[in-house]
């Protein structure tokens, strides 16, 4: 294999690898945004659960109904 053929092959492989890396980076950015959005939603749900938990705790302290 001549030197020029080897260089051409390496340039071709490099171009393919650059394209693959760019595609993977785009996917990673998309997934990171999704993770950040899910973390925000989880935080909101935990906060809401804590707020609602206070409401239910007061009802648990009441005496059981008469049929017990």
PDB file of N, CA and C in Angstrom:
ATOM      1  N   UNK A   1       0.864  -1.174   0.000  1.00  0.00           N
ATOM      2  CA  UNK A   1       0.000   0.000   0.000  1.00  0.00           C
ATOM      3  C   UNK A   1       0.908   1.233   0.000  1.00  0.00           C
ATOM      4  N   UNK A   2       0.602   2.130  -0.873  1.00  0.00           N
ATOM      5  CA  UNK A   2       1.416   3.331  -0.988  1.00  0.00           C
ATOM      6  C   UNK A   2       1.114   4.290   0.149  1.00  0.00           C
ATOM      7  N   UNK A   3       2.039   5.191   0.362  1.00  0.00           N
ATOM      8  CA  UNK A   3       1.892   6.175   1.433  1.00  0.00           C
ATOM      9  C   UNK A   3       0.652   7.045   1.216  1.00  0.00           C
ATOM     10  N   UNK A   4       0.424   7.438  -0.020  1.00  0.00           N
ATOM     11  CA  UNK A   4      -0.743   8.288  -0.318  1.00  0.00           C
ATOM     12  C   UNK A   4      -2.050   7.550  -0.021  1.00  0.00           C
ATOM     13  N   UNK A   5      -2.107   6.276  -0.314  1.00  0.00           N
ATOM     14  CA  UNK A   5      -3.299   5.482  -0.019  1.00  0.00           C
ATOM     15  C   UNK A   5      -3.518   5.382   1.489  1.00  0.00           C
ATOM     16  N   UNK A   6      -2.436   5.212   2.230  1.00  0.00           N
ATOM     17  CA  UNK A   6      -2.540   5.124   3.675  1.00  0.00           C
ATOM     18  C   UNK A   6      -3.029   6.451   4.271  1.00  0.00           C
ATOM     19  N   UNK A   7      -2.488   7.541   3.767  1.00  0.00           N
ATOM     20  CA  UNK A   7      -2.899   8.861   4.255  1.00  0.00           C
ATOM     21  C   UNK A   7      -4.369   9.094   3.933  1.00  0.00           C
ATOM     22  N   UNK A   8      -4.792   8.730   2.753  1.00  0.00           N
ATOM     23  CA  UNK A   8      -6.195   8.893   2.353  1.00  0.00           C
ATOM     24  C   UNK A   8      -7.104   8.069   3.250  1.00  0.00           C
ATOM     25  N   UNK A   9      -6.690   6.833   3.532  1.00  0.00           N
ATOM     26  CA  UNK A   9      -7.470   5.963   4.417  1.00  0.00           C
ATOM     27  C   UNK A   9      -7.560   6.555   5.820  1.00  0.00           C
ATOM     28  N   UNK A  10      -6.461   7.064   6.345  1.00  0.00           N
ATOM     29  CA  UNK A  10      -6.460   7.667   7.675  1.00  0.00           C
ATOM     30  C   UNK A  10      -7.335   8.922   7.716  1.00  0.00           C
ATOM     31  N   UNK A  11      -7.285   9.731   6.695  1.00  0.00           N
ATOM     32  CA  UNK A  11      -8.128  10.932   6.634  1.00  0.00           C
ATOM     33  C   UNK A  11      -9.598  10.547   6.597  1.00  0.00           C
ATOM     34  N   UNK A  12      -9.910   9.494   5.864  1.00  0.00           N
ATOM     35  CA  UNK A  12     -11.295   9.020   5.787  1.00  0.00           C
ATOM     36  C   UNK A  12     -11.776   8.536   7.146  1.00  0.00           C
ATOM     37  N   UNK A  13     -10.939   7.758   7.818  1.00  0.00           N
ATOM     38  CA  UNK A  13     -11.298   7.253   9.149  1.00  0.00           C
ATOM     39  C   UNK A  13     -11.443   8.396  10.147  1.00  0.00           C
ATOM     40  N   UNK A  14     -10.558   9.374  10.059  1.00  0.00           N
ATOM     41  CA  UNK A  14     -10.630  10.528  10.957  1.00  0.00           C
ATOM     42  C   UNK A  14     -11.930  11.301  10.752  1.00  0.00           C
ATOM     43  N   UNK A  15     -12.319  11.494   9.508  1.00  0.00           N
ATOM     44  CA  UNK A  15     -13.573  12.203   9.222  1.00  0.00           C
ATOM     45  C   UNK A  15     -14.761  11.433   9.795  1.00  0.00           C
ATOM     46  N   UNK A  16     -14.750  10.103   9.655  1.00  0.00           N
ATOM     47  CA  UNK A  16     -15.824   9.286  10.197  1.00  0.00           C
ATOM     48  C   UNK A  16     -15.848   9.369  11.715  1.00  0.00           C
ATOM     49  N   UNK A  17     -14.685   9.322  12.351  1.00  0.00           N
ATOM     50  CA  UNK A  17     -14.617   9.415  13.807  1.00  0.00           C
ATOM     51  C   UNK A  17     -15.080  10.788  14.300  1.00  0.00           C
ATOM     52  N   UNK A  18     -14.704  11.840  13.598  1.00  0.00           N
ATOM     53  CA  UNK A  18     -15.160  13.181  13.976  1.00  0.00           C
ATOM     54  C   UNK A  18     -16.678  13.276  13.915  1.00  0.00           C
ATOM     55  N   UNK A  19     -17.268  12.703  12.876  1.00  0.00           N
ATOM     56  CA  UNK A  19     -18.724  12.710  12.738  1.00  0.00           C
ATOM     57  C   UNK A  19     -19.379  11.915  13.864  1.00  0.00           C
ATOM     58  N   UNK A  20     -18.791  10.774  14.190  1.00  0.00           N
ATOM     59  CA  UNK A  20     -19.322   9.939  15.273  1.00  0.00           C
ATOM     60  C   UNK A  20     -19.245  10.663  16.613  1.00  0.00           C
ATOM     61  N   UNK A  21     -18.120  11.313  16.880  1.00  0.00           N
ATOM     62  CA  UNK A  21     -17.951  12.050  18.133  1.00  0.00           C
ATOM     63  C   UNK A  21     -18.962  13.189  18.219  1.00  0.00           C
ATOM     64  N   UNK A  22     -19.174  13.891  17.139  1.00  0.00           N
ATOM     65  CA  UNK A  22     -20.150  14.990  17.139  1.00  0.00           C
ATOM     66  C   UNK A  22     -21.563  14.470  17.387  1.00  0.00           C
ATOM     67  N   UNK A  23     -21.903  13.351  16.770  1.00  0.00           N
ATOM     68  CA  UNK A  23     -23.222  12.748  16.983  1.00  0.00           C
ATOM     69  C   UNK A  23     -23.395  12.318  18.432  1.00  0.00           C
ATOM     70  N   UNK A  24     -22.376  11.677  19.002  1.00  0.00           N
ATOM     71  CA  UNK A  24     -22.443  11.246  20.394  1.00  0.00           C
ATOM     72  C   UNK A  24     -22.538  12.446  21.338  1.00  0.00           C
ATOM     73  N   UNK A  25     -21.840  13.517  21.025  1.00  0.00           N
ATOM     74  CA  UNK A  25     -21.910  14.719  21.843  1.00  0.00           C
ATOM     75  C   UNK A  25     -23.319  15.309  21.821  1.00  0.00           C
ATOM     76  N   UNK A  26     -23.938  15.341  20.650  1.00  0.00           N
ATOM     77  CA  UNK A  26     -25.310  15.857  20.548  1.00  0.00           C
ATOM     78  C   UNK A  26     -26.266  15.020  21.390  1.00  0.00           C
ATOM     79  N   UNK A  27     -26.097  13.710  21.337  1.00  0.00           N
ATOM     80  CA  UNK A  27     -26.942  12.811  22.124  1.00  0.00           C
ATOM     81  C   UNK A  27     -26.705  13.036  23.617  1.00  0.00           C
ATOM     82  N   UNK A  28     -25.456  13.197  23.998  1.00  0.00           N
ATOM     83  CA  UNK A  28     -25.119  13.437  25.400  1.00  0.00           C
ATOM     84  C   UNK A  28     -25.736  14.736  25.911  1.00  0.00           C
ATOM     85  N   UNK A  29     -25.687  15.776  25.105  1.00  0.00           N
ATOM     86  CA  UNK A  29     -26.289  17.062  25.496  1.00  0.00           C
ATOM     87  C   UNK A  29     -27.799  16.902  25.673  1.00  0.00           C
ATOM     88  N   UNK A  30     -28.436  16.197  24.761  1.00  0.00           N
ATOM     89  CA  UNK A  30     -29.877  15.963  24.860  1.00  0.00           C
ATOM     90  C   UNK A  30     -30.219  15.184  26.126  1.00  0.00           C
ATOM     91  N   UNK A  31     -29.442  14.166  26.423  1.00  0.00           N
ATOM     92  CA  UNK A  31     -29.690  13.367  27.625  1.00  0.00           C
ATOM     93  C   UNK A  31     -29.432  14.171  28.892  1.00  0.00           C
ATOM     94  N   UNK A  32     -28.424  15.019  28.891  1.00  0.00           N
ATOM     95  CA  UNK A  32     -28.135  15.841  30.065  1.00  0.00           C
ATOM     96  C   UNK A  32     -29.281  16.801  30.339  1.00  0.00           C
ATOM     97  N   UNK A  33     -29.838  17.377  29.287  1.00  0.00           N
ATOM     98  CA  UNK A  33     -31.001  18.268  29.462  1.00  0.00           C
ATOM     99  C   UNK A  33     -32.180  17.499  30.042  1.00  0.00           C
ATOM    100  N   UNK A  34     -32.383  16.277  29.565  1.00  0.00           N
ATOM    101  CA  UNK A  34     -33.481  15.460  30.084  1.00  0.00           C
ATOM    102  C   UNK A  34     -33.250  15.128  31.555  1.00  0.00           C
ATOM    103  N   UNK A  35     -32.019  14.803  31.926  1.00  0.00           N
ATOM    104  CA  UNK A  35     -31.696  14.489  33.323  1.00  0.00           C
ATOM    105  C   UNK A  35     -31.941  15.717  34.202  1.00  0.00           C
ATOM    106  N   UNK A  36     -31.507  16.886  33.747  1.00  0.00           N
ATOM    107  CA  UNK A  36     -31.714  18.111  34.526  1.00  0.00           C
ATOM    108  C   UNK A  36     -33.207  18.403  34.703  1.00  0.00           C
ATOM    109  N   UNK A  37     -33.976  18.191  33.635  1.00  0.00           N
ATOM    110  CA  UNK A  37     -35.429  18.407  33.719  1.00  0.00           C
ATOM    111  C   UNK A  37     -36.057  17.424  34.707  1.00  0.00           C
ATOM    112  N   UNK A  38     -35.633  16.172  34.670  1.00  0.00           N
ATOM    113  CA  UNK A  38     -36.159  15.168  35.595  1.00  0.00           C
ATOM    114  C   UNK A  38     -35.768  15.476  37.041  1.00  0.00           C
ATOM    115  N   UNK A  39     -34.557  15.990  37.239  1.00  0.00           N
ATOM    116  CA  UNK A  39     -34.140  16.359  38.589  1.00  0.00           C
ATOM    117  C   UNK A  39     -35.000  17.495  39.130  1.00  0.00           C
ATOM    118  N   UNK A  40     -35.317  18.465  38.289  1.00  0.00           N
ATOM    119  CA  UNK A  40     -36.187  19.558  38.719  1.00  0.00           C
ATOM    120  C   UNK A  40     -37.584  19.041  39.065  1.00  0.00           C
ATOM    121  N   UNK A  41     -38.090  18.138  38.246  1.00  0.00           N
ATOM    122  CA  UNK A  41     -39.401  17.568  38.513  1.00  0.00           C
ATOM    123  C   UNK A  41     -39.394  16.757  39.804  1.00  0.00           C
ATOM    124  N   UNK A  42     -38.321  16.015  40.027  1.00  0.00           N
ATOM    125  CA  UNK A  42     -38.210  15.214  41.243  1.00  0.00           C
ATOM    126  C   UNK A  42     -38.160  16.121  42.471  1.00  0.00           C
ATOM    127  N   UNK A  43     -37.406  17.197  42.381  1.00  0.00           N
ATOM    128  CA  UNK A  43     -37.333  18.140  43.499  1.00  0.00           C
ATOM    129  C   UNK A  43     -38.700  18.736  43.794  1.00  0.00           C
ATOM    130  N   UNK A  44     -39.425  19.099  42.741  1.00  0.00           N
ATOM    131  CA  UNK A  44     -40.762  19.665  42.919  1.00  0.00           C
ATOM    132  C   UNK A  44     -41.693  18.633  43.565  1.00  0.00           C
ATOM    133  N   UNK A  45     -41.606  17.377  43.128  1.00  0.00           N
ATOM    134  CA  UNK A  45     -42.458  16.333  43.705  1.00  0.00           C
ATOM    135  C   UNK A  45     -42.116  16.070  45.171  1.00  0.00           C
ATOM    136  N   UNK A  46     -40.824  16.065  45.507  1.00  0.00           N
ATOM    137  CA  UNK A  46     -40.428  15.852  46.894  1.00  0.00           C
ATOM    138  C   UNK A  46     -40.919  16.993  47.783  1.00  0.00           C
ATOM    139  N   UNK A  47     -40.813  18.204  47.278  1.00  0.00           N
ATOM    140  CA  UNK A  47     -41.300  19.354  48.032  1.00  0.00           C
ATOM    141  C   UNK A  47     -42.807  19.258  48.235  1.00  0.00           C
ATOM    142  N   UNK A  48     -43.504  18.885  47.181  1.00  0.00           N
ATOM    143  CA  UNK A  48     -44.963  18.747  47.269  1.00  0.00           C
ATOM    144  C   UNK A  48     -45.346  17.639  48.256  1.00  0.00           C
ATOM    145  N   UNK A  49     -44.597  16.530  48.225  1.00  0.00           N
ATOM    146  CA  UNK A  49     -44.877  15.424  49.150  1.00  0.00           C
ATOM    147  C   UNK A  49     -44.660  15.867  50.593  1.00  0.00           C
ATOM    148  N   UNK A  50     -43.596  16.621  50.838  1.00  0.00           N
ATOM    149  CA  UNK A  50     -43.344  17.106  52.195  1.00  0.00           C
ATOM    150  C   UNK A  50     -44.471  18.030  52.663  1.00  0.00           C
ATOM    151  N   UNK A  51     -44.940  18.880  51.768  1.00  0.00           N
ATOM    152  CA  UNK A  51     -46.034  19.783  52.118  1.00  0.00           C
ATOM    153  C   UNK A  51     -47.308  19.005  52.412  1.00  0.00           C
ATOM    154  N   UNK A  52     -47.583  17.994  51.602  1.00  0.00           N
ATOM    155  CA  UNK A  52     -48.797  17.205  51.797  1.00  0.00           C
ATOM    156  C   UNK A  52     -48.648  16.278  53.004  1.00  0.00           C
ATOM    157  N   UNK A  53     -47.428  15.858  53.293  1.00  0.00           N
ATOM    158  CA  UNK A  53     -47.190  14.980  54.435  1.00  0.00           C
ATOM    159  C   UNK A  53     -47.596  15.640  55.728  1.00  0.00           C
ATOM    160  N   UNK A  54     -47.388  16.926  55.841  1.00  0.00           N
ATOM    161  CA  UNK A  54     -47.791  17.661  57.028  1.00  0.00           C
ATOM    162  C   UNK A  54     -49.294  17.642  57.225  1.00  0.00           C
ATOM    163  N   UNK A  55     -50.041  17.653  56.153  1.00  0.00           N
ATOM    164  CA  UNK A  55     -51.506  17.623  56.238  1.00  0.00           C
ATOM    165  C   UNK A  55     -51.979  16.268  56.758  1.00  0.00           C
ATOM    166  N   UNK A  56     -51.356  15.195  56.302  1.00  0.00           N
ATOM    167  CA  UNK A  56     -51.803  13.868  56.695  1.00  0.00           C
ATOM    168  C   UNK A  56     -51.334  13.488  58.092  1.00  0.00           C
ATOM    169  N   UNK A  57     -50.220  14.048  58.526  1.00  0.00           N
ATOM    170  CA  UNK A  57     -49.735  13.732  59.860  1.00  0.00           C
ATOM    171  C   UNK A  57     -50.713  14.188  60.932  1.00  0.00           C
ATOM    172  N   UNK A  58     -51.328  15.334  60.737  1.00  0.00           N
ATOM    173  CA  UNK A  58     -52.261  15.828  61.743  1.00  0.00           C
ATOM    174  C   UNK A  58     -53.508  14.947  61.819  1.00  0.00           C
ATOM    175  N   UNK A  59     -53.933  14.375  60.694  1.00  0.00           N
ATOM    176  CA  UNK A  59     -55.109  13.510  60.717  1.00  0.00           C
ATOM    177  C   UNK A  59     -54.783  12.156  61.348  1.00  0.00           C
ATOM    178  N   UNK A  60     -53.522  11.717  61.302  1.00  0.00           N
ATOM    179  CA  UNK A  60     -53.143  10.442  61.897  1.00  0.00           C
ATOM    180  C   UNK A  60     -53.157  10.521  63.423  1.00  0.00           C
ATOM    181  N   UNK A  61     -52.971  11.677  63.985  1.00  0.00           N
ATOM    182  CA  UNK A  61     -52.929  11.839  65.429  1.00  0.00           C
ATOM    183  C   UNK A  61     -54.331  11.797  66.056  1.00  0.00           C
ATOM    184  N   UNK A  62     -55.345  11.898  65.234  1.00  0.00           N
ATOM    185  CA  UNK A  62     -56.718  11.862  65.749  1.00  0.00           C
ATOM    186  C   UNK A  62     -57.050  10.455  66.245  1.00  0.00           C
ATOM    187  N   UNK A  63     -58.028  10.389  67.106  1.00  0.00           N
ATOM    188  CA  UNK A  63     -58.456   9.103  67.634  1.00  0.00           C
ATOM    189  C   UNK A  63     -59.089   8.274  66.532  1.00  0.00           C
ATOM    190  N   UNK A  64     -58.996   6.947  66.629  1.00  0.00           N
ATOM    191  CA  UNK A  64     -59.605   6.102  65.593  1.00  0.00           C
ATOM    192  C   UNK A  64     -61.129   6.241  65.641  1.00  0.00           C
ATOM    193  N   UNK A  65     -61.792   5.913  64.554  1.00  0.00           N
ATOM    194  CA  UNK A  65     -63.254   6.015  64.510  1.00  0.00           C
ATOM    195  C   UNK A  65     -63.895   5.108  65.557  1.00  0.00           C
ATOM    196  N   UNK A  66     -65.139   5.370  65.949  1.00  0.00           N
ATOM    197  CA  UNK A  66     -65.804   4.632  67.013  1.00  0.00           C
ATOM    198  C   UNK A  66     -65.954   3.140  66.767  1.00  0.00           C
ATOM    199  N   UNK A  67     -66.007   2.702  65.524  1.00  0.00           N
ATOM    200  CA  UNK A  67     -66.227   1.280  65.260  1.00  0.00           C
ATOM    201  C   UNK A  67     -65.006   0.424  65.538  1.00  0.00           C
ATOM    202  N   UNK A  68     -63.883   0.989  65.986  1.00  0.00           N
ATOM    203  CA  UNK A  68     -62.695   0.192  66.323  1.00  0.00           C
ATOM    204  C   UNK A  68     -62.729  -0.249  67.739  1.00  0.00           C
TER     205      UNK A  68
END
